[in-house]
Protein backbone atom coordinates (compact mmCIF):
# COMPACT_ATOMS: atom_id res chain seq x y z
CA MET A 1 -5.39 36.53 10.12
CA LYS A 2 -2.42 34.21 10.55
CA PHE A 3 -3.31 30.17 10.08
CA ASN A 4 -3.05 29.52 13.55
CA GLU A 5 -5.99 32.10 14.74
CA LEU A 6 -7.84 30.86 11.73
CA LYS A 7 -7.68 27.38 12.89
CA ALA A 8 -8.11 27.99 16.43
CA LEU A 9 -11.59 29.89 15.02
CA PHE A 10 -12.32 27.05 13.05
CA GLU A 11 -12.19 24.79 15.88
CA LEU A 12 -14.30 26.54 17.99
CA PRO A 13 -17.62 24.58 19.26
CA PHE A 14 -20.23 25.05 16.34
CA PHE A 15 -22.54 27.63 18.59
CA GLU A 16 -19.53 29.52 19.96
CA LEU A 17 -18.30 30.02 16.32
CA LEU A 18 -21.35 31.33 14.90
CA LYS A 19 -22.14 34.02 17.88
CA GLN A 20 -18.54 35.05 17.02
CA ALA A 21 -19.27 35.57 13.45
CA ARG A 22 -22.47 36.87 14.17
CA THR A 23 -21.15 39.68 16.74
CA VAL A 24 -18.65 41.08 13.81
CA HIS A 25 -20.69 40.80 11.29
CA GLU A 26 -23.45 42.92 13.03
CA ALA A 27 -20.44 45.49 13.91
CA ASN A 28 -19.22 45.97 10.47
CA TRP A 29 -22.71 45.52 8.43
CA ASP A 30 -25.70 47.65 10.14
CA ASN A 31 -27.93 46.99 6.85
CA PRO A 32 -28.63 43.23 7.10
CA ASP A 33 -29.75 42.85 3.55
CA VAL A 34 -28.22 40.57 0.92
CA GLN A 35 -27.19 41.74 -2.60
CA LEU A 36 -28.18 39.77 -5.38
CA CYS A 37 -25.66 38.96 -8.11
CA THR A 38 -26.07 37.65 -11.70
CA LEU A 39 -22.70 35.89 -13.28
CA LEU A 40 -23.24 35.77 -17.36
CA SER A 41 -20.80 32.98 -19.25
CA ILE A 42 -19.74 35.75 -21.89
CA LYS A 43 -17.46 33.35 -23.30
CA THR A 44 -18.05 29.59 -23.00
CA GLY A 45 -16.05 26.43 -23.49
CA GLY A 46 -12.65 25.66 -25.29
CA CYS A 47 -10.14 27.16 -22.79
CA SER A 48 -6.59 26.17 -22.66
CA GLU A 49 -6.64 25.84 -19.00
CA ASP A 50 -6.35 22.52 -17.08
CA CYS A 51 -7.98 23.58 -14.15
CA SER A 52 -9.56 20.01 -12.80
CA TYR A 53 -12.80 20.87 -11.29
CA CYS A 54 -13.70 22.62 -14.79
CA SER A 55 -16.19 21.70 -17.49
CA GLN A 56 -15.16 24.73 -19.79
CA SER A 57 -11.36 23.17 -20.17
CA ALA A 58 -10.49 22.12 -23.76
CA ARG A 59 -8.56 19.02 -22.58
CA TYR A 60 -11.47 17.55 -20.91
CA ASN A 61 -14.52 15.38 -22.53
CA THR A 62 -17.39 17.34 -21.14
CA GLU A 63 -21.04 18.52 -22.39
CA VAL A 64 -19.99 21.75 -22.76
CA GLU A 65 -19.29 23.16 -26.21
CA ALA A 66 -16.86 25.74 -27.23
CA GLU A 67 -18.68 28.95 -28.08
CA ARG A 68 -17.75 32.29 -29.34
CA LEU A 69 -17.65 35.54 -27.58
CA MET A 70 -21.05 36.80 -26.86
CA GLU A 71 -22.69 39.40 -29.19
CA LYS A 72 -22.69 43.06 -27.12
CA ARG A 73 -26.36 43.24 -27.62
CA ASP A 74 -27.54 39.61 -26.83
CA VAL A 75 -25.13 40.66 -23.09
CA MET A 76 -27.28 43.87 -23.10
CA GLU A 77 -30.39 41.67 -22.97
CA ARG A 78 -29.12 39.45 -20.38
CA ALA A 79 -27.82 42.28 -18.41
CA LEU A 80 -31.37 44.44 -18.25
CA ALA A 81 -33.26 41.06 -17.26
CA ALA A 82 -30.61 40.52 -14.38
CA LYS A 83 -31.64 44.09 -13.23
CA ALA A 84 -35.60 43.53 -13.83
CA THR A 85 -35.41 40.58 -11.52
CA GLY A 86 -33.39 42.54 -8.40
CA SER A 87 -29.87 41.76 -9.44
CA THR A 88 -27.29 44.74 -8.19
CA ARG A 89 -24.12 43.57 -9.89
CA PHE A 90 -23.41 41.93 -13.01
CA CYS A 91 -20.56 39.49 -13.50
CA MET A 92 -19.34 38.56 -17.05
CA GLY A 93 -16.86 35.32 -17.10
CA ALA A 94 -14.96 34.47 -20.00
CA ALA A 95 -13.14 30.78 -20.60
CA TRP A 96 -9.84 31.88 -21.28
CA LYS A 97 -6.09 31.81 -19.74
CA GLY A 98 -6.07 35.60 -19.84
CA VAL A 99 -6.66 38.73 -22.21
CA ARG A 100 -4.33 40.99 -23.59
CA GLY A 101 -4.58 44.78 -24.50
CA GLY A 102 -4.67 45.51 -28.59
CA THR A 103 -6.67 42.33 -29.41
CA LYS A 104 -9.97 42.32 -31.23
CA ARG A 105 -11.60 40.15 -28.26
CA PHE A 106 -10.12 42.68 -25.26
CA GLU A 107 -11.32 45.96 -27.38
CA GLN A 108 -14.98 43.74 -27.72
CA VAL A 109 -15.09 43.03 -23.98
CA VAL A 110 -14.47 46.68 -23.47
CA GLU A 111 -17.24 47.74 -25.56
CA ILE A 112 -19.98 45.49 -23.59
CA ILE A 113 -18.58 46.64 -20.16
CA GLU A 114 -19.18 50.40 -21.45
CA ASP A 115 -22.55 49.62 -22.25
CA VAL A 116 -23.31 47.63 -19.04
CA ALA A 117 -21.93 50.20 -17.12
CA LYS A 118 -24.64 52.73 -18.17
CA LEU A 119 -27.17 50.19 -16.86
CA GLY A 120 -26.69 51.46 -13.20
CA MET A 121 -25.91 47.93 -11.66
CA GLU A 122 -22.14 47.17 -10.29
CA VAL A 123 -20.00 45.73 -12.78
CA CYS A 124 -17.38 42.59 -12.29
CA VAL A 125 -15.56 40.78 -14.68
CA THR A 126 -13.32 37.63 -14.73
CA LEU A 127 -11.39 37.12 -17.66
CA GLY A 128 -8.17 35.47 -16.22
CA GLU A 129 -4.84 36.31 -16.28
CA LEU A 130 -4.21 40.32 -16.48
CA GLY A 131 -1.67 42.79 -17.03
CA PRO A 132 -1.42 46.01 -15.46
CA GLU A 133 -2.13 48.10 -18.81
CA GLU A 134 -5.30 45.58 -19.13
CA ALA A 135 -6.47 46.60 -15.43
CA LYS A 136 -6.35 50.11 -15.72
CA ARG A 137 -8.46 49.65 -19.14
CA LEU A 138 -11.33 48.01 -17.32
CA LYS A 139 -11.13 50.07 -14.67
CA LYS A 140 -11.62 53.21 -17.10
CA ALA A 141 -14.34 51.17 -19.41
CA GLY A 142 -16.53 50.94 -15.89
CA VAL A 143 -15.64 47.55 -14.03
CA THR A 144 -16.30 47.66 -10.42
CA ALA A 145 -14.94 44.73 -9.37
CA TYR A 146 -12.62 42.21 -10.80
CA ASN A 147 -12.80 38.21 -9.60
CA HIS A 148 -9.88 36.31 -9.38
CA ASN A 149 -10.61 33.15 -7.23
CA LEU A 150 -7.30 31.78 -5.59
CA ASP A 151 -9.30 28.34 -5.58
CA THR A 152 -7.28 26.45 -2.63
CA SER A 153 -4.14 26.62 -0.62
CA PRO A 154 -0.83 27.21 -2.27
CA GLU A 155 0.52 23.61 -1.24
CA HIS A 156 -2.59 22.14 -2.73
CA TYR A 157 -3.03 24.38 -6.02
CA PRO A 158 -0.39 22.15 -8.24
CA ASN A 159 -2.79 19.33 -7.72
CA ILE A 160 -5.85 21.09 -9.32
CA VAL A 161 -4.08 23.32 -11.78
CA THR A 162 -0.86 23.33 -13.64
CA THR A 163 -1.39 25.34 -16.40
CA HIS A 164 -0.46 28.63 -14.30
CA THR A 165 0.50 28.60 -10.93
CA TYR A 166 -0.07 30.78 -7.62
CA GLU A 167 2.01 33.41 -8.07
CA ASP A 168 0.58 33.94 -11.39
CA ARG A 169 -2.87 34.85 -9.66
CA LEU A 170 -1.32 36.89 -6.88
CA ARG A 171 0.36 38.73 -9.56
CA THR A 172 -3.22 39.29 -11.30
CA ILE A 173 -5.10 40.46 -8.10
CA ARG A 174 -1.99 42.92 -7.01
CA ASN A 175 -2.52 44.68 -10.81
CA VAL A 176 -5.90 44.75 -10.30
CA GLN A 177 -5.57 46.49 -6.61
CA ASP A 178 -3.31 48.95 -8.31
CA ALA A 179 -5.38 49.84 -11.04
CA GLY A 180 -7.90 51.05 -8.66
CA MET A 181 -10.32 48.14 -9.06
CA SER A 182 -12.07 46.42 -6.00
CA VAL A 183 -10.80 43.15 -5.73
CA CYS A 184 -13.47 39.75 -5.75
CA CYS A 185 -11.41 36.45 -4.42
CA GLY A 186 -12.36 33.67 -2.93
CA GLY A 187 -11.94 29.88 -3.19
CA ILE A 188 -13.87 26.53 -4.06
CA LEU A 189 -14.69 23.78 -1.42
CA GLY A 190 -14.12 20.27 -2.29
CA LEU A 191 -11.47 19.83 -4.23
CA GLY A 192 -10.12 16.91 -2.63
CA GLU A 193 -8.36 19.62 -0.19
CA THR A 194 -8.31 19.27 3.53
CA ASN A 195 -9.59 21.84 5.92
CA ASP A 196 -6.12 22.77 6.78
CA ASP A 197 -5.92 23.77 2.73
CA ARG A 198 -9.03 26.05 2.88
CA LEU A 199 -7.92 28.00 6.28
CA LYS A 200 -4.36 28.44 4.08
CA MET A 201 -6.38 29.68 1.37
CA LEU A 202 -8.23 31.91 3.92
CA GLU A 203 -4.95 33.20 5.36
CA VAL A 204 -3.20 34.46 2.24
CA ILE A 205 -6.76 36.57 1.26
CA SER A 206 -7.23 37.84 4.64
CA GLU A 207 -3.33 39.42 4.47
CA PHE A 208 -4.21 41.41 0.90
CA ASN A 209 -3.61 44.74 1.22
CA PRO A 210 -5.94 45.99 0.90
CA GLN A 211 -8.32 43.04 1.43
CA PRO A 212 -11.01 42.05 -0.87
CA GLU A 213 -14.08 43.78 -1.18
CA SER A 214 -15.92 40.55 -1.57
CA LEU A 215 -15.15 37.13 -0.62
CA PRO A 216 -17.11 34.36 -2.78
CA ILE A 217 -17.11 31.03 -1.16
CA ASN A 218 -18.20 28.17 -3.80
CA SER A 219 -18.47 24.19 -3.00
CA LEU A 220 -17.69 22.30 -6.08
CA MET A 221 -20.60 21.26 -8.27
CA PRO A 222 -18.73 17.96 -9.79
CA MET A 223 -18.77 18.02 -13.44
CA PRO A 224 -18.97 14.96 -15.79
CA GLY A 225 -15.79 14.48 -17.76
CA THR A 226 -13.99 16.48 -15.58
CA PRO A 227 -10.98 14.68 -13.05
CA LEU A 228 -13.05 15.90 -9.89
CA GLU A 229 -16.31 14.40 -11.29
CA GLY A 230 -16.58 11.89 -8.98
CA ALA A 231 -15.51 14.38 -5.78
CA GLU A 232 -17.41 13.86 -2.29
CA PRO A 233 -19.78 16.27 -1.69
CA VAL A 234 -18.77 19.75 0.89
CA ASP A 235 -20.08 18.48 4.73
CA VAL A 236 -23.13 21.17 5.50
CA PHE A 237 -21.03 21.95 9.04
CA ASP A 238 -17.88 22.67 7.26
CA LEU A 239 -19.37 24.88 4.83
CA VAL A 240 -20.89 27.14 7.73
CA ARG A 241 -17.65 26.99 9.53
CA MET A 242 -16.04 28.48 6.61
CA ILE A 243 -18.42 31.05 6.16
CA ALA A 244 -18.11 32.08 9.61
CA VAL A 245 -14.30 32.14 9.69
CA ALA A 246 -14.42 33.95 6.10
CA ARG A 247 -16.60 36.78 7.94
CA ILE A 248 -14.54 37.08 11.15
CA ALA A 249 -10.69 37.28 8.91
CA VAL A 250 -12.60 39.84 6.31
CA PRO A 251 -15.09 41.45 8.20
CA LYS A 252 -15.53 44.26 5.91
CA ALA A 253 -16.09 41.93 2.79
CA LYS A 254 -19.02 41.18 1.13
CA VAL A 255 -18.85 37.00 1.94
CA ARG A 256 -20.98 35.51 -1.29
CA LEU A 257 -22.43 32.36 -1.30
CA SER A 258 -21.82 31.19 -4.45
CA ALA A 259 -21.93 27.96 -6.42
CA GLY A 260 -23.43 25.10 -4.84
CA ARG A 261 -26.56 26.48 -3.87
CA THR A 262 -28.50 23.44 -5.74
CA ARG A 263 -27.30 21.09 -3.07
CA MET A 264 -28.53 23.55 0.07
CA SER A 265 -31.34 23.07 1.90
CA ASP A 266 -33.09 26.61 2.97
CA GLU A 267 -31.88 25.86 6.09
CA THR A 268 -28.22 25.44 5.24
CA GLN A 269 -28.53 28.58 3.11
CA ALA A 270 -30.10 30.58 6.46
CA LEU A 271 -27.40 29.12 8.72
CA CYS A 272 -25.06 30.67 5.85
CA PHE A 273 -26.53 33.91 6.07
CA PHE A 274 -26.33 33.95 9.80
CA ALA A 275 -22.88 32.97 9.58
CA GLY A 276 -22.20 36.35 7.61
CA ALA A 277 -22.72 35.47 4.28
CA ASN A 278 -24.41 38.55 2.72
CA SER A 279 -24.70 37.99 -0.84
CA ILE A 280 -25.63 35.44 -3.56
CA PHE A 281 -25.30 34.90 -7.23
CA TYR A 282 -28.70 34.92 -8.38
CA GLY A 283 -30.67 33.54 -11.48
CA GLU A 284 -30.97 30.22 -13.52
CA LYS A 285 -27.45 29.41 -14.14
CA LEU A 286 -23.91 30.22 -12.85
CA LEU A 287 -21.25 29.62 -15.45
CA THR A 288 -22.32 26.21 -16.73
CA THR A 289 -24.14 24.73 -13.42
CA GLY A 290 -27.63 25.18 -12.55
CA ASN A 291 -28.75 27.79 -9.53
CA PRO A 292 -31.39 28.23 -7.44
CA ALA A 293 -34.54 29.36 -9.46
CA VAL A 294 -35.32 33.30 -8.76
CA GLU A 295 -38.65 32.93 -7.63
CA LYS A 296 -36.99 30.23 -4.99
CA ASP A 297 -34.42 32.73 -3.75
CA GLN A 298 -36.98 35.34 -3.23
CA ALA A 299 -38.99 33.20 -1.37
CA LEU A 300 -36.64 32.04 1.09
CA LEU A 301 -35.36 35.82 1.49
CA ALA A 302 -38.88 36.51 2.46
CA LYS A 303 -39.08 33.69 4.90
CA LEU A 304 -35.93 34.91 6.39
CA GLY A 305 -37.40 38.84 6.84
CA LEU A 306 -33.67 39.68 4.31
CA GLY A 307 -34.03 42.34 1.85
CA THR A 308 -31.93 43.04 -1.11
CA LEU A 309 -29.10 45.96 -1.31
CA ALA A 310 -28.82 48.77 -3.77
CA PRO A 311 -26.32 48.78 -6.60
CA ASN A 312 -23.26 51.16 -5.82
CA GLN A 313 -21.32 51.88 -8.90
CA GLU A 314 -19.23 54.40 -7.18
CA LEU A 315 -17.89 51.94 -5.08
CA ALA A 316 -14.23 52.67 -4.59
CA ALA A 317 -11.51 49.88 -3.76
CA PRO A 318 -10.64 49.20 0.29
CA ALA A 319 -7.19 51.38 0.84
CA ALA A 320 -4.26 49.62 1.49
CA ASP A 321 -2.68 50.28 5.04
CA LYS A 322 0.35 52.29 4.40
CA GLU A 323 1.81 50.74 7.68
CA LYS A 324 1.70 47.41 6.07
CA PRO A 325 3.62 45.58 3.20
CA LEU A 326 1.50 45.94 -0.01
CA CYS A 327 0.53 41.95 -0.23
CA PRO A 328 0.51 39.88 -2.10
CA ALA A 329 3.52 40.64 -4.07
């Protein structure tokens, strides 16, 4: 969808926007259940990038200490625990600029992926920049989806990150799509951006060919020691509006309610589910920030009468529309 269309939706009266989003959601998702996902940082801190929201950057003085890549047995223990508490997608993130085939750490990650894939859950990874050959190798190892967020608009991005470009992000996404993996791509609200920036980000994402399989919407958790530690909280109604517009713009994607849920009331999360969110990151920790406890999430879903989705390891990447240009380039 184009920016002007997205802006017109965003500016609708609140209940009219929710009504439209709910109609689109029900037309595309006959199963009202929610997917539970667990995210584990398998390599924390010491990152060379300067993302101004991230406590894992080595450039900032934060409370996060650099750690080596986790041992496979420790990752497997966490993956088994996630499966036992209901997660159907296990996501693994590593704090580095990117991965390169033929290196020891890439081979170690591939071995971890191969074993996690045997557990029957969907496997998602986020490892930074990815070349075409590395993408093919990850697909072969059993990766269901690759997460690579755009964070914000192309215009605002240089204010947030200077160690790589927007085009770098788009190139990785293209490599992932070409390798046949699903794309998980969203953004972060609360980076000092305007609502127009948020909608321009969504314009780019909605025009991927094919559109992403999942779209996480994160609310910034300001981390002490980072340049954005004093950022203002995201307005609840702006958050719900973004969920609703994302649902309309990318109707077949799982819209994932991601970071920032510790600041959200049950009522806010209920509005997000009504507006089209149908996945949450689940468990006690989301990379380096807190996440609502398992029992609290289960209680909320029970109050709302929402079940949970089963895993789909055979999930195919959405097909490209051959009548449209491949995007991003």
